[in-house]
Amino acid sequence: MDTDYRYDTQLLIEGENLSEDNIFDHIKNTFEGDSLLAVGDESLVKIHYHTNRPWEILEYCSTLGEIFDIVVEDMFRQSKGLKG
């Protein structure tokens, strides 16, 4: 594997006055991980992040609005051909 981070964490945040730039900066500066994407608009933002502590990302994002379409995949298991 080419990453030190185990979990591919993806979700959508639905809310009001969301700022993809602010969300990106907060996650990048607060939580350890890589491959961060935060894209969307003021009412819907998609998050993608590789981390060892996905629950921290989910907890933070839940403070911004409603979170849904949550996917947390274990990339280490997937790299061994197992279900992630």
C-alpha atoms as a PDB file:
ATOM      1  CA  MET A   1       0.000   0.000   0.000  1.00  0.00           C
ATOM      2  CA  ASP A   2       1.173   3.518  -0.728  1.00  0.00           C
ATOM      3  CA  THR A   3      -0.525   5.092   2.279  1.00  0.00           C
ATOM      4  CA  ASP A   4      -0.050   4.938   6.034  1.00  0.00           C
ATOM      5  CA  TYR A   5      -3.766   5.540   6.535  1.00  0.00           C
ATOM      6  CA  ARG A   6      -6.111   2.608   6.764  1.00  0.00           C
ATOM      7  CA  TYR A   7      -9.601   4.008   6.199  1.00  0.00           C
ATOM      8  CA  ASP A   8     -11.006   5.620   3.077  1.00  0.00           C
ATOM      9  CA  THR A   9     -13.710   7.846   4.579  1.00  0.00           C
ATOM     10  CA  GLN A  10     -16.371   9.429   2.370  1.00  0.00           C
ATOM     11  CA  LEU A  11     -19.580  11.254   3.181  1.00  0.00           C
ATOM     12  CA  LEU A  12     -21.895  14.067   2.223  1.00  0.00           C
ATOM     13  CA  ILE A  13     -22.738  17.028   4.445  1.00  0.00           C
ATOM     14  CA  GLU A  14     -26.021  18.840   3.855  1.00  0.00           C
ATOM     15  CA  GLY A  15     -26.429  22.171   5.585  1.00  0.00           C
ATOM     16  CA  GLU A  16     -26.547  25.925   5.215  1.00  0.00           C
ATOM     17  CA  ASN A  17     -23.705  28.329   4.493  1.00  0.00           C
ATOM     18  CA  LEU A  18     -21.182  25.499   4.138  1.00  0.00           C
ATOM     19  CA  SER A  19     -17.713  26.497   2.964  1.00  0.00           C
ATOM     20  CA  GLU A  20     -15.727  23.779   1.230  1.00  0.00           C
ATOM     21  CA  ASP A  21     -12.541  25.825   1.751  1.00  0.00           C
ATOM     22  CA  ASN A  22     -13.116  26.212   5.501  1.00  0.00           C
ATOM     23  CA  ILE A  23     -14.021  22.538   5.879  1.00  0.00           C
ATOM     24  CA  PHE A  24     -10.933  21.493   3.883  1.00  0.00           C
ATOM     25  CA  ASP A  25      -8.641  23.713   5.953  1.00  0.00           C
ATOM     26  CA  HIS A  26     -10.118  22.540   9.267  1.00  0.00           C
ATOM     27  CA  ILE A  27      -9.781  18.853   8.412  1.00  0.00           C
ATOM     28  CA  LYS A  28      -6.269  19.292   7.008  1.00  0.00           C
ATOM     29  CA  ASN A  29      -5.067  21.265  10.039  1.00  0.00           C
ATOM     30  CA  THR A  30      -6.838  19.214  12.716  1.00  0.00           C
ATOM     31  CA  PHE A  31      -6.927  15.553  11.693  1.00  0.00           C
ATOM     32  CA  GLU A  32      -4.103  13.294  10.581  1.00  0.00           C
ATOM     33  CA  GLY A  33      -4.549  11.796   7.117  1.00  0.00           C
ATOM     34  CA  ASP A  34      -4.077  12.320   3.374  1.00  0.00           C
ATOM     35  CA  SER A  35      -5.873  12.437   0.010  1.00  0.00           C
ATOM     36  CA  LEU A  36      -8.357  15.054   1.237  1.00  0.00           C
ATOM     37  CA  LEU A  37     -11.114  16.332  -1.010  1.00  0.00           C
ATOM     38  CA  ALA A  38     -13.869  18.709   0.071  1.00  0.00           C
ATOM     39  CA  VAL A  39     -16.033  19.751  -2.870  1.00  0.00           C
ATOM     40  CA  GLY A  40     -19.495  21.203  -3.188  1.00  0.00           C
ATOM     41  CA  ASP A  41     -21.421  24.362  -2.523  1.00  0.00           C
ATOM     42  CA  GLU A  42     -23.126  26.202   0.352  1.00  0.00           C
ATOM     43  CA  SER A  43     -25.726  23.469   0.876  1.00  0.00           C
ATOM     44  CA  LEU A  44     -23.911  20.202   0.033  1.00  0.00           C
ATOM     45  CA  VAL A  45     -20.252  19.196   0.448  1.00  0.00           C
ATOM     46  CA  LYS A  46     -18.657  15.838  -0.334  1.00  0.00           C
ATOM     47  CA  ILE A  47     -15.741  14.758   1.848  1.00  0.00           C
ATOM     48  CA  HIS A  48     -13.127  12.158   0.939  1.00  0.00           C
ATOM     49  CA  TYR A  49     -10.239  11.497   3.342  1.00  0.00           C
ATOM     50  CA  HIS A  50      -7.797   8.730   4.184  1.00  0.00           C
ATOM     51  CA  THR A  51      -7.296   8.495   7.951  1.00  0.00           C
ATOM     52  CA  ASN A  52      -6.781   6.038  10.781  1.00  0.00           C
ATOM     53  CA  ARG A  53      -9.518   7.689  12.841  1.00  0.00           C
ATOM     54  CA  PRO A  54     -12.619   8.050  10.634  1.00  0.00           C
ATOM     55  CA  TRP A  55     -14.895   8.616  13.632  1.00  0.00           C
ATOM     56  CA  GLU A  56     -13.209  11.992  14.211  1.00  0.00           C
ATOM     57  CA  ILE A  57     -14.077  13.106  10.681  1.00  0.00           C
ATOM     58  CA  LEU A  58     -17.667  11.924  11.084  1.00  0.00           C
ATOM     59  CA  GLU A  59     -17.999  13.685  14.432  1.00  0.00           C
ATOM     60  CA  TYR A  60     -16.640  16.972  13.080  1.00  0.00           C
ATOM     61  CA  CYS A  61     -18.756  16.874   9.930  1.00  0.00           C
ATOM     62  CA  SER A  62     -21.892  16.131  11.955  1.00  0.00           C
ATOM     63  CA  THR A  63     -21.444  19.517  13.675  1.00  0.00           C
ATOM     64  CA  LEU A  64     -21.793  21.238  10.279  1.00  0.00           C
ATOM     65  CA  GLY A  65     -25.057  19.707   9.121  1.00  0.00           C
ATOM     66  CA  GLU A  66     -26.716  16.419   8.336  1.00  0.00           C
ATOM     67  CA  ILE A  67     -24.259  13.721   7.255  1.00  0.00           C
ATOM     68  CA  PHE A  68     -25.275  10.866   4.965  1.00  0.00           C
ATOM     69  CA  ASP A  69     -24.022   8.476   2.266  1.00  0.00           C
ATOM     70  CA  ILE A  70     -21.288   7.551   4.738  1.00  0.00           C
ATOM     71  CA  VAL A  71     -18.722   5.040   3.491  1.00  0.00           C
ATOM     72  CA  VAL A  72     -15.725   3.881   5.530  1.00  0.00           C
ATOM     73  CA  GLU A  73     -13.618   1.277   3.753  1.00  0.00           C
ATOM     74  CA  ASP A  74     -10.605  -0.552   5.152  1.00  0.00           C
ATOM     75  CA  MET A  75      -7.979  -0.123   2.436  1.00  0.00           C
ATOM     76  CA  PHE A  76      -5.531  -2.490   4.172  1.00  0.00           C
ATOM     77  CA  ARG A  77      -8.078  -5.321   3.958  1.00  0.00           C
ATOM     78  CA  GLN A  78      -8.905  -4.432   0.367  1.00  0.00           C
ATOM     79  CA  SER A  79      -5.221  -4.560  -0.596  1.00  0.00           C
ATOM     80  CA  LYS A  80      -5.182  -8.184   0.642  1.00  0.00           C
ATOM     81  CA  GLY A  81      -8.179  -9.017  -1.553  1.00  0.00           C
ATOM     82  CA  LEU A  82     -10.583  -9.021   1.392  1.00  0.00           C
ATOM     83  CA  LYS A  83     -13.859  -7.171   1.688  1.00  0.00           C
ATOM     84  CA  GLY A  84     -13.116  -3.689   3.021  1.00  0.00           C
END
